[in-house]
Amino acid sequence: SCDVCMCNQLALLNSRLLRAYTQLDPRVRPLCAAVKHWTKRRCIADPYRGSPSSYAWVLLVLNYLQTTSPPVLPVLQALRGGGWGPTGEAMQAATHDGRVFDCSFCADVESVRGATQRLGVNTQGLGELL
C-alpha cells in the first residue's frame, strides 16, 4: 500500500530523508521492512487505534541504527550541505496552520558514506541488529 499526498512539502522532504538513509547502508531497508512487517502482524502499527504509525516505527529503527555502537548511520539532520534546493527555504516546510519546520539534512550520500567508513564500520548482520 502507499499514501498519495499532494502539495505537502513536509511529506516530500521526509520521504527524501528516508531515501537518503536507505542509500547509506544496505541493511537499513530490509531492517525497516522487517520491523514494519512485525508491527503490522501484531496490530501495533495503527495510529487510529492508539499505536504508533508505520512511519514512527521506521523512525525508531533509524534512531536505533544511529545510537547503536558503533553506529550504522550518522544523524543526517545534524550535518549540513548537499541540500535539495538552492536556498535554505527549499528545505523548509509549512503546515496548513502556518507552522514552519526546518527539514534540513545533508543529502550528499556519497560523501557521508565515505566519511563514515573512515570512522569505523558496524559489521553486524541483519539478524544481530534485529
Foldseek 3Di string as FASTA:
>chain_A
DDDDDPPFLVVVLVVLVLVLQCVLDVLLVVLLVVQLVVCVVVVQQDVVVPHNHSVVSSVVLQVLQCPPVVHQDDDQQVDADCDPDPDQVSQWTADPVGDIDRSGGHSPSVVRSVVVVVVPHDPDDNVVSD
